[in-house]
PDB file of all heavy atoms in Angstrom:
ATOM      1  N   GLY A   1      31.539   2.073  -1.667  1.00  0.00           N
ATOM      2  CA  GLY A   1      30.061   2.358  -1.656  1.00  0.00           C
ATOM      3  C   GLY A   1      29.343   1.059  -1.349  1.00  0.00           C
ATOM      4  O   GLY A   1      29.633   0.024  -1.752  1.00  0.00           O
ATOM      5  N   VAL A   2      28.133   1.305  -0.720  1.00  0.00           N
ATOM      6  CA  VAL A   2      27.199   0.208  -0.444  1.00  0.00           C
ATOM      7  C   VAL A   2      25.763   0.761  -0.951  1.00  0.00           C
ATOM      8  O   VAL A   2      25.282   1.730  -0.460  1.00  0.00           O
ATOM      9  CB  VAL A   2      27.067  -0.164   0.987  1.00  0.00           C
ATOM     10  CG1 VAL A   2      25.935  -1.125   1.185  1.00  0.00           C
ATOM     11  CG2 VAL A   2      28.345  -0.818   1.496  1.00  0.00           C
ATOM     12  N   PHE A   3      25.324   0.137  -1.987  1.00  0.00           N
ATOM     13  CA  PHE A   3      23.971   0.555  -2.574  1.00  0.00           C
ATOM     14  C   PHE A   3      22.924  -0.450  -2.197  1.00  0.00           C
ATOM     15  O   PHE A   3      23.112  -1.714  -2.450  1.00  0.00           O
ATOM     16  CB  PHE A   3      24.083   0.643  -4.071  1.00  0.00           C
ATOM     17  CG  PHE A   3      24.774   1.888  -4.572  1.00  0.00           C
ATOM     18  CD1 PHE A   3      26.131   2.019  -4.522  1.00  0.00           C
ATOM     19  CD2 PHE A   3      24.045   3.031  -4.954  1.00  0.00           C
ATOM     20  CE1 PHE A   3      26.825   3.182  -5.007  1.00  0.00           C
ATOM     21  CE2 PHE A   3      24.658   4.187  -5.358  1.00  0.00           C
ATOM     22  CZ  PHE A   3      26.034   4.267  -5.302  1.00  0.00           C
ATOM     23  N   VAL A   4      21.925  -0.026  -1.536  1.00  0.00           N
ATOM     24  CA  VAL A   4      20.819  -0.867  -1.118  1.00  0.00           C
ATOM     25  C   VAL A   4      19.653  -0.927  -2.141  1.00  0.00           C
ATOM     26  O   VAL A   4      19.041   0.125  -2.335  1.00  0.00           O
ATOM     27  CB  VAL A   4      20.298  -0.467   0.286  1.00  0.00           C
ATOM     28  CG1 VAL A   4      19.191  -1.360   0.742  1.00  0.00           C
ATOM     29  CG2 VAL A   4      21.481  -0.429   1.280  1.00  0.00           C
ATOM     30  N   PHE A   5      19.397  -2.047  -2.756  1.00  0.00           N
ATOM     31  CA  PHE A   5      18.264  -2.250  -3.588  1.00  0.00           C
ATOM     32  C   PHE A   5      17.494  -3.444  -3.148  1.00  0.00           C
ATOM     33  O   PHE A   5      17.568  -4.529  -3.690  1.00  0.00           O
ATOM     34  CB  PHE A   5      18.707  -2.429  -5.045  1.00  0.00           C
ATOM     35  CG  PHE A   5      19.481  -1.259  -5.582  1.00  0.00           C
ATOM     36  CD1 PHE A   5      20.887  -1.424  -5.925  1.00  0.00           C
ATOM     37  CD2 PHE A   5      18.955  -0.024  -5.739  1.00  0.00           C
ATOM     38  CE1 PHE A   5      21.595  -0.432  -6.400  1.00  0.00           C
ATOM     39  CE2 PHE A   5      19.693   1.033  -6.264  1.00  0.00           C
ATOM     40  CZ  PHE A   5      21.048   0.871  -6.555  1.00  0.00           C
ATOM     41  N   ALA A   6      16.768  -3.298  -2.079  1.00  0.00           N
ATOM     42  CA  ALA A   6      16.055  -4.447  -1.442  1.00  0.00           C
ATOM     43  C   ALA A   6      14.619  -4.321  -1.435  1.00  0.00           C
ATOM     44  O   ALA A   6      13.931  -4.677  -0.475  1.00  0.00           O
ATOM     45  CB  ALA A   6      16.633  -4.594  -0.007  1.00  0.00           C
ATOM     46  N   GLY A   7      14.077  -3.793  -2.502  1.00  0.00           N
ATOM     47  CA  GLY A   7      12.703  -3.650  -2.568  1.00  0.00           C
ATOM     48  C   GLY A   7      12.119  -2.359  -2.121  1.00  0.00           C
ATOM     49  O   GLY A   7      12.929  -1.415  -1.771  1.00  0.00           O
ATOM     50  N   TYR A   8      10.774  -2.213  -1.984  1.00  0.00           N
ATOM     51  CA  TYR A   8      10.153  -0.908  -1.674  1.00  0.00           C
ATOM     52  C   TYR A   8       9.077  -1.069  -0.587  1.00  0.00           C
ATOM     53  O   TYR A   8       8.525  -2.201  -0.315  1.00  0.00           O
ATOM     54  CB  TYR A   8       9.492  -0.345  -2.935  1.00  0.00           C
ATOM     55  CG  TYR A   8      10.552   0.103  -4.024  1.00  0.00           C
ATOM     56  CD1 TYR A   8      11.090  -0.817  -4.889  1.00  0.00           C
ATOM     57  CD2 TYR A   8      11.056   1.387  -4.001  1.00  0.00           C
ATOM     58  CE1 TYR A   8      12.063  -0.431  -5.836  1.00  0.00           C
ATOM     59  CE2 TYR A   8      11.931   1.797  -4.957  1.00  0.00           C
ATOM     60  CZ  TYR A   8      12.419   0.880  -5.859  1.00  0.00           C
ATOM     61  OH  TYR A   8      13.372   1.274  -6.702  1.00  0.00           O
ATOM     62  N   VAL A   9       8.835   0.033   0.089  1.00  0.00           N
ATOM     63  CA  VAL A   9       7.818   0.045   1.128  1.00  0.00           C
ATOM     64  C   VAL A   9       6.665   0.940   0.574  1.00  0.00           C
ATOM     65  O   VAL A   9       6.947   2.121   0.138  1.00  0.00           O
ATOM     66  CB  VAL A   9       8.362   0.703   2.393  1.00  0.00           C
ATOM     67  CG1 VAL A   9       7.213   0.810   3.460  1.00  0.00           C
ATOM     68  CG2 VAL A   9       9.478  -0.178   2.934  1.00  0.00           C
ATOM     69  N   PRO A  10       5.418   0.500   0.618  1.00  0.00           N
ATOM     70  CA  PRO A  10       4.282   1.327   0.070  1.00  0.00           C
ATOM     71  C   PRO A  10       4.093   2.583   0.779  1.00  0.00           C
ATOM     72  O   PRO A  10       4.163   2.633   2.040  1.00  0.00           O
ATOM     73  CB  PRO A  10       3.078   0.409   0.138  1.00  0.00           C
ATOM     74  CG  PRO A  10       3.437  -0.531   1.250  1.00  0.00           C
ATOM     75  CD  PRO A  10       4.881  -0.736   1.152  1.00  0.00           C
ATOM     76  N   ALA A  11       3.849   3.681   0.055  1.00  0.00           N
ATOM     77  CA  ALA A  11       3.594   5.029   0.742  1.00  0.00           C
ATOM     78  C   ALA A  11       2.165   5.163   1.098  1.00  0.00           C
ATOM     79  O   ALA A  11       1.399   5.773   0.341  1.00  0.00           O
ATOM     80  CB  ALA A  11       4.051   6.172  -0.243  1.00  0.00           C
ATOM     81  N   THR A  12       1.718   4.473   2.130  1.00  0.00           N
ATOM     82  CA  THR A  12       0.282   4.545   2.511  1.00  0.00           C
ATOM     83  C   THR A  12      -0.024   5.200   3.789  1.00  0.00           C
ATOM     84  O   THR A  12      -1.124   4.982   4.337  1.00  0.00           O
ATOM     85  CB  THR A  12      -0.172   3.001   2.513  1.00  0.00           C
ATOM     86  OG1 THR A  12       0.698   2.299   3.389  1.00  0.00           O
ATOM     87  CG2 THR A  12      -0.215   2.417   1.158  1.00  0.00           C
ATOM     88  N   ASP A  13       0.894   5.999   4.343  1.00  0.00           N
ATOM     89  CA  ASP A  13       0.599   6.676   5.657  1.00  0.00           C
ATOM     90  C   ASP A  13      -0.691   7.522   5.542  1.00  0.00           C
ATOM     91  O   ASP A  13      -1.472   7.591   6.557  1.00  0.00           O
ATOM     92  CB  ASP A  13       1.722   7.575   6.035  1.00  0.00           C
ATOM     93  CG  ASP A  13       2.912   6.795   6.448  1.00  0.00           C
ATOM     94  OD1 ASP A  13       2.788   5.545   6.757  1.00  0.00           O
ATOM     95  OD2 ASP A  13       4.070   7.299   6.601  1.00  0.00           O
ATOM     96  N   LEU A  14      -0.989   8.154   4.324  1.00  0.00           N
ATOM     97  CA  LEU A  14      -2.143   8.984   4.280  1.00  0.00           C
ATOM     98  C   LEU A  14      -3.439   8.171   4.423  1.00  0.00           C
ATOM     99  O   LEU A  14      -4.519   8.817   4.780  1.00  0.00           O
ATOM    100  CB  LEU A  14      -2.059   9.677   2.824  1.00  0.00           C
ATOM    101  CG  LEU A  14      -1.149  10.925   2.752  1.00  0.00           C
ATOM    102  CD1 LEU A  14      -1.080  11.299   1.260  1.00  0.00           C
ATOM    103  CD2 LEU A  14      -1.696  12.063   3.659  1.00  0.00           C
ATOM    104  N   VAL A  15      -3.446   6.949   4.084  1.00  0.00           N
ATOM    105  CA  VAL A  15      -4.682   6.230   4.006  1.00  0.00           C
ATOM    106  C   VAL A  15      -4.866   5.110   5.062  1.00  0.00           C
ATOM    107  O   VAL A  15      -5.793   4.356   5.106  1.00  0.00           O
ATOM    108  CB  VAL A  15      -4.939   5.627   2.609  1.00  0.00           C
ATOM    109  CG1 VAL A  15      -5.217   6.719   1.592  1.00  0.00           C
ATOM    110  CG2 VAL A  15      -3.796   4.688   2.154  1.00  0.00           C
ATOM    111  N   LYS A  16      -3.817   5.015   5.945  1.00  0.00           N
ATOM    112  CA  LYS A  16      -3.884   4.024   7.039  1.00  0.00           C
ATOM    113  C   LYS A  16      -5.099   4.296   7.887  1.00  0.00           C
ATOM    114  O   LYS A  16      -5.367   5.405   8.294  1.00  0.00           O
ATOM    115  CB  LYS A  16      -2.679   4.074   7.877  1.00  0.00           C
ATOM    116  CG  LYS A  16      -1.479   3.346   7.200  1.00  0.00           C
ATOM    117  CD  LYS A  16      -0.263   3.301   8.141  1.00  0.00           C
ATOM    118  CE  LYS A  16       0.948   2.649   7.435  1.00  0.00           C
ATOM    119  NZ  LYS A  16       2.217   2.738   8.300  1.00  0.00           N
ATOM    120  N   GLY A  17      -5.962   3.223   8.080  1.00  0.00           N
ATOM    121  CA  GLY A  17      -7.061   3.448   9.021  1.00  0.00           C
ATOM    122  C   GLY A  17      -8.259   4.010   8.186  1.00  0.00           C
ATOM    123  O   GLY A  17      -9.387   4.142   8.758  1.00  0.00           O
ATOM    124  N   LYS A  18      -8.100   4.246   6.884  1.00  0.00           N
ATOM    125  CA  LYS A  18      -9.127   4.845   6.076  1.00  0.00           C
ATOM    126  C   LYS A  18      -9.639   3.861   5.030  1.00  0.00           C
ATOM    127  O   LYS A  18     -10.790   3.810   4.634  1.00  0.00           O
ATOM    128  CB  LYS A  18      -8.691   6.203   5.459  1.00  0.00           C
ATOM    129  CG  LYS A  18      -8.410   7.203   6.616  1.00  0.00           C
ATOM    130  CD  LYS A  18      -7.903   8.570   5.953  1.00  0.00           C
ATOM    131  CE  LYS A  18      -7.575   9.567   7.013  1.00  0.00           C
ATOM    132  NZ  LYS A  18      -7.112  10.852   6.498  1.00  0.00           N
ATOM    133  N   VAL A  19      -8.733   3.178   4.381  1.00  0.00           N
ATOM    134  CA  VAL A  19      -9.100   2.182   3.403  1.00  0.00           C
ATOM    135  C   VAL A  19      -8.348   0.901   3.853  1.00  0.00           C
ATOM    136  O   VAL A  19      -7.396   0.825   4.642  1.00  0.00           O
ATOM    137  CB  VAL A  19      -8.618   2.556   1.971  1.00  0.00           C
ATOM    138  CG1 VAL A  19      -9.289   3.851   1.561  1.00  0.00           C
ATOM    139  CG2 VAL A  19      -7.121   2.596   1.844  1.00  0.00           C
ATOM    140  N   GLU A  20      -8.782  -0.249   3.324  1.00  0.00           N
ATOM    141  CA  GLU A  20      -8.253  -1.590   3.688  1.00  0.00           C
ATOM    142  C   GLU A  20      -6.816  -1.719   3.004  1.00  0.00           C
ATOM    143  O   GLU A  20      -6.539  -1.406   1.923  1.00  0.00           O
ATOM    144  CB  GLU A  20      -9.150  -2.668   3.073  1.00  0.00           C
ATOM    145  CG  GLU A  20      -8.656  -4.045   3.459  1.00  0.00           C
ATOM    146  CD  GLU A  20      -9.492  -5.178   2.863  1.00  0.00           C
ATOM    147  OE1 GLU A  20     -10.496  -4.867   2.198  1.00  0.00           O
ATOM    148  OE2 GLU A  20      -9.094  -6.345   3.099  1.00  0.00           O
ATOM    149  N   LEU A  21      -5.955  -2.183   3.997  1.00  0.00           N
ATOM    150  CA  LEU A  21      -4.495  -2.449   3.527  1.00  0.00           C
ATOM    151  C   LEU A  21      -4.274  -3.948   3.817  1.00  0.00           C
ATOM    152  O   LEU A  21      -4.898  -4.531   4.705  1.00  0.00           O
ATOM    153  CB  LEU A  21      -3.564  -1.616   4.302  1.00  0.00           C
ATOM    154  CG  LEU A  21      -3.738  -0.080   4.200  1.00  0.00           C
ATOM    155  CD1 LEU A  21      -2.633   0.594   5.142  1.00  0.00           C
ATOM    156  CD2 LEU A  21      -3.680   0.465   2.849  1.00  0.00           C
ATOM    157  N   ASN A  22      -3.304  -4.545   3.068  1.00  0.00           N
ATOM    158  CA  ASN A  22      -2.916  -5.865   3.423  1.00  0.00           C
ATOM    159  C   ASN A  22      -1.875  -5.871   4.531  1.00  0.00           C
ATOM    160  O   ASN A  22      -1.477  -4.808   4.936  1.00  0.00           O
ATOM    161  CB  ASN A  22      -2.449  -6.652   2.171  1.00  0.00           C
ATOM    162  CG  ASN A  22      -1.044  -6.371   1.705  1.00  0.00           C
ATOM    163  OD1 ASN A  22      -0.495  -5.316   2.208  1.00  0.00           O
ATOM    164  ND2 ASN A  22      -0.525  -7.027   0.825  1.00  0.00           N
ATOM    165  N   PRO A  23      -1.446  -7.009   5.074  1.00  0.00           N
ATOM    166  CA  PRO A  23      -0.531  -7.043   6.151  1.00  0.00           C
ATOM    167  C   PRO A  23       0.807  -6.335   5.838  1.00  0.00           C
ATOM    168  O   PRO A  23       1.518  -5.860   6.803  1.00  0.00           O
ATOM    169  CB  PRO A  23      -0.312  -8.474   6.442  1.00  0.00           C
ATOM    170  CG  PRO A  23      -1.595  -9.148   6.027  1.00  0.00           C
ATOM    171  CD  PRO A  23      -2.005  -8.398   4.890  1.00  0.00           C
ATOM    172  N   GLN A  24       1.176  -6.288   4.630  1.00  0.00           N
ATOM    173  CA  GLN A  24       2.397  -5.621   4.144  1.00  0.00           C
ATOM    174  C   GLN A  24       2.248  -4.100   3.929  1.00  0.00           C
ATOM    175  O   GLN A  24       3.197  -3.440   3.666  1.00  0.00           O
ATOM    176  CB  GLN A  24       3.017  -6.235   2.931  1.00  0.00           C
ATOM    177  CG  GLN A  24       3.535  -7.660   3.031  1.00  0.00           C
ATOM    178  CD  GLN A  24       2.424  -8.718   3.312  1.00  0.00           C
ATOM    179  OE1 GLN A  24       1.361  -8.598   2.593  1.00  0.00           O
ATOM    180  NE2 GLN A  24       2.613  -9.551   4.240  1.00  0.00           N
ATOM    181  N   GLY A  25       0.967  -3.631   4.081  1.00  0.00           N
ATOM    182  CA  GLY A  25       0.771  -2.168   4.027  1.00  0.00           C
ATOM    183  C   GLY A  25       0.269  -1.717   2.668  1.00  0.00           C
ATOM    184  O   GLY A  25       0.151  -0.487   2.446  1.00  0.00           O
ATOM    185  N   TYR A  26       0.131  -2.605   1.696  1.00  0.00           N
ATOM    186  CA  TYR A  26      -0.349  -2.198   0.258  1.00  0.00           C
ATOM    187  C   TYR A  26      -1.850  -2.078   0.318  1.00  0.00           C
ATOM    188  O   TYR A  26      -2.561  -2.750   1.052  1.00  0.00           O
ATOM    189  CB  TYR A  26       0.064  -3.275  -0.717  1.00  0.00           C
ATOM    190  CG  TYR A  26       1.617  -3.286  -0.926  1.00  0.00           C
ATOM    191  CD1 TYR A  26       2.400  -4.184  -0.237  1.00  0.00           C
ATOM    192  CD2 TYR A  26       2.194  -2.420  -1.934  1.00  0.00           C
ATOM    193  CE1 TYR A  26       3.837  -4.135  -0.481  1.00  0.00           C
ATOM    194  CE2 TYR A  26       3.533  -2.422  -2.145  1.00  0.00           C
ATOM    195  CZ  TYR A  26       4.355  -3.310  -1.395  1.00  0.00           C
ATOM    196  OH  TYR A  26       5.775  -3.277  -1.608  1.00  0.00           O
ATOM    197  N   VAL A  27      -2.315  -1.184  -0.555  1.00  0.00           N
ATOM    198  CA  VAL A  27      -3.772  -0.899  -0.679  1.00  0.00           C
ATOM    199  C   VAL A  27      -4.466  -2.083  -1.385  1.00  0.00           C
ATOM    200  O   VAL A  27      -3.995  -2.536  -2.481  1.00  0.00           O
ATOM    201  CB  VAL A  27      -4.052   0.362  -1.438  1.00  0.00           C
ATOM    202  CG1 VAL A  27      -5.598   0.590  -1.601  1.00  0.00           C
ATOM    203  CG2 VAL A  27      -3.417   1.581  -0.727  1.00  0.00           C
ATOM    204  N   VAL A  28      -5.506  -2.610  -0.745  1.00  0.00           N
ATOM    205  CA  VAL A  28      -6.302  -3.638  -1.412  1.00  0.00           C
ATOM    206  C   VAL A  28      -7.388  -3.015  -2.307  1.00  0.00           C
ATOM    207  O   VAL A  28      -8.144  -2.159  -1.868  1.00  0.00           O
ATOM    208  CB  VAL A  28      -7.051  -4.494  -0.276  1.00  0.00           C
ATOM    209  CG1 VAL A  28      -7.917  -5.529  -0.838  1.00  0.00           C
ATOM    210  CG2 VAL A  28      -5.976  -5.126   0.605  1.00  0.00           C
ATOM    211  N   THR A  29      -7.422  -3.520  -3.533  1.00  0.00           N
ATOM    212  CA  THR A  29      -8.423  -2.936  -4.475  1.00  0.00           C
ATOM    213  C   THR A  29      -9.061  -4.109  -5.201  1.00  0.00           C
ATOM    214  O   THR A  29      -8.571  -5.309  -5.123  1.00  0.00           O
ATOM    215  CB  THR A  29      -7.761  -2.053  -5.554  1.00  0.00           C
ATOM    216  OG1 THR A  29      -6.872  -2.900  -6.384  1.00  0.00           O
ATOM    217  CG2 THR A  29      -6.928  -0.921  -5.023  1.00  0.00           C
ATOM    218  N   ASP A  30     -10.256  -3.833  -5.769  1.00  0.00           N
ATOM    219  CA  ASP A  30     -10.903  -4.889  -6.634  1.00  0.00           C
ATOM    220  C   ASP A  30     -10.339  -4.709  -8.037  1.00  0.00           C
ATOM    221  O   ASP A  30      -9.408  -3.961  -8.320  1.00  0.00           O
ATOM    222  CB  ASP A  30     -12.429  -4.766  -6.578  1.00  0.00           C
ATOM    223  CG  ASP A  30     -12.890  -3.433  -7.128  1.00  0.00           C
ATOM    224  OD1 ASP A  30     -12.101  -2.751  -7.821  1.00  0.00           O
ATOM    225  OD2 ASP A  30     -14.114  -3.089  -6.894  1.00  0.00           O
ATOM    226  N   ARG A  31     -10.958  -5.460  -8.988  1.00  0.00           N
ATOM    227  CA  ARG A  31     -10.456  -5.485 -10.378  1.00  0.00           C
ATOM    228  C   ARG A  31     -10.649  -4.113 -11.090  1.00  0.00           C
ATOM    229  O   ARG A  31      -9.900  -3.844 -12.122  1.00  0.00           O
ATOM    230  CB  ARG A  31     -11.129  -6.599 -11.156  1.00  0.00           C
ATOM    231  CG  ARG A  31     -10.816  -7.984 -10.663  1.00  0.00           C
ATOM    232  CD  ARG A  31     -11.452  -9.051 -11.541  1.00  0.00           C
ATOM    233  NE  ARG A  31     -10.881  -8.993 -12.899  1.00  0.00           N
ATOM    234  CZ  ARG A  31     -11.252  -9.852 -13.856  1.00  0.00           C
ATOM    235  NH1 ARG A  31     -12.201 -10.735 -13.637  1.00  0.00           N
ATOM    236  NH2 ARG A  31     -10.703  -9.806 -15.073  1.00  0.00           N
ATOM    237  N   SER A  32     -11.482  -3.266 -10.566  1.00  0.00           N
ATOM    238  CA  SER A  32     -11.577  -1.901 -11.147  1.00  0.00           C
ATOM    239  C   SER A  32     -10.734  -0.874 -10.394  1.00  0.00           C
ATOM    240  O   SER A  32     -10.932   0.313 -10.659  1.00  0.00           O
ATOM    241  CB  SER A  32     -13.079  -1.466 -11.073  1.00  0.00           C
ATOM    242  OG  SER A  32     -13.432  -1.307  -9.752  1.00  0.00           O
ATOM    243  N   GLN A  33      -9.818  -1.367  -9.533  1.00  0.00           N
ATOM    244  CA  GLN A  33      -8.969  -0.455  -8.732  1.00  0.00           C
ATOM    245  C   GLN A  33      -9.584   0.306  -7.674  1.00  0.00           C
ATOM    246  O   GLN A  33      -9.113   1.219  -7.057  1.00  0.00           O
ATOM    247  CB  GLN A  33      -8.135   0.505  -9.656  1.00  0.00           C
ATOM    248  CG  GLN A  33      -7.268  -0.141 -10.748  1.00  0.00           C
ATOM    249  CD  GLN A  33      -6.302  -1.127 -10.201  1.00  0.00           C
ATOM    250  OE1 GLN A  33      -6.171  -2.269 -10.636  1.00  0.00           O
ATOM    251  NE2 GLN A  33      -5.525  -0.733  -9.186  1.00  0.00           N
ATOM    252  N   LYS A  34     -10.888  -0.084  -7.262  1.00  0.00           N
ATOM    253  CA  LYS A  34     -11.571   0.520  -6.201  1.00  0.00           C
ATOM    254  C   LYS A  34     -11.114   0.090  -4.870  1.00  0.00           C
ATOM    255  O   LYS A  34     -10.848  -1.191  -4.725  1.00  0.00           O
ATOM    256  CB  LYS A  34     -13.144   0.321  -6.427  1.00  0.00           C
ATOM    257  CG  LYS A  34     -13.947   0.973  -5.359  1.00  0.00           C
ATOM    258  CD  LYS A  34     -15.445   0.626  -5.571  1.00  0.00           C
ATOM    259  CE  LYS A  34     -16.298   1.192  -4.388  1.00  0.00           C
ATOM    260  NZ  LYS A  34     -15.953   0.667  -3.103  1.00  0.00           N
ATOM    261  N   THR A  35     -10.950   0.925  -3.986  1.00  0.00           N
ATOM    262  CA  THR A  35     -10.599   0.541  -2.576  1.00  0.00           C
ATOM    263  C   THR A  35     -11.929   0.210  -1.743  1.00  0.00           C
ATOM    264  O   THR A  35     -12.995   0.140  -2.370  1.00  0.00           O
ATOM    265  CB  THR A  35      -9.889   1.670  -1.890  1.00  0.00           C
ATOM    266  OG1 THR A  35     -10.779   2.752  -1.515  1.00  0.00           O
ATOM    267  CG2 THR A  35      -8.766   2.255  -2.753  1.00  0.00           C
ATOM    268  N   SER A  36     -11.757   0.114  -0.482  1.00  0.00           N
ATOM    269  CA  SER A  36     -12.850  -0.208   0.394  1.00  0.00           C
ATOM    270  C   SER A  36     -13.753   0.952   0.541  1.00  0.00           C
ATOM    271  O   SER A  36     -14.847   0.859   1.185  1.00  0.00           O
ATOM    272  CB  SER A  36     -12.382  -0.758   1.709  1.00  0.00           C
ATOM    273  OG  SER A  36     -11.478   0.138   2.362  1.00  0.00           O
ATOM    274  N   LEU A  37     -13.429   2.175   0.109  1.00  0.00           N
ATOM    275  CA  LEU A  37     -14.325   3.336   0.202  1.00  0.00           C
ATOM    276  C   LEU A  37     -14.871   3.766  -1.117  1.00  0.00           C
ATOM    277  O   LEU A  37     -14.059   3.782  -2.163  1.00  0.00           O
ATOM    278  CB  LEU A  37     -13.462   4.551   0.816  1.00  0.00           C
ATOM    279  CG  LEU A  37     -13.351   4.647   2.284  1.00  0.00           C
ATOM    280  CD1 LEU A  37     -12.558   5.912   2.644  1.00  0.00           C
ATOM    281  CD2 LEU A  37     -14.655   4.676   2.956  1.00  0.00           C
ATOM    282  N   ASP A  38     -16.140   4.147  -1.248  1.00  0.00           N
ATOM    283  CA  ASP A  38     -16.681   4.617  -2.446  1.00  0.00           C
ATOM    284  C   ASP A  38     -15.995   5.893  -2.837  1.00  0.00           C
ATOM    285  O   ASP A  38     -15.712   6.784  -2.019  1.00  0.00           O
ATOM    286  CB  ASP A  38     -18.198   4.856  -2.276  1.00  0.00           C
ATOM    287  CG  ASP A  38     -18.965   3.661  -2.191  1.00  0.00           C
ATOM    288  OD1 ASP A  38     -18.495   2.594  -2.591  1.00  0.00           O
ATOM    289  OD2 ASP A  38     -20.185   3.774  -1.668  1.00  0.00           O
TER     290      ASP A  38
END
């Protein structure tokens, strides 16, 4: 067996182009967890 545990990829397909993401694809939020959209 070969088990791959090499980190994770953010599930952000639903919000691509709608809220701000960082270069790695994670959602950018402020300290209150708010995104770039109200």
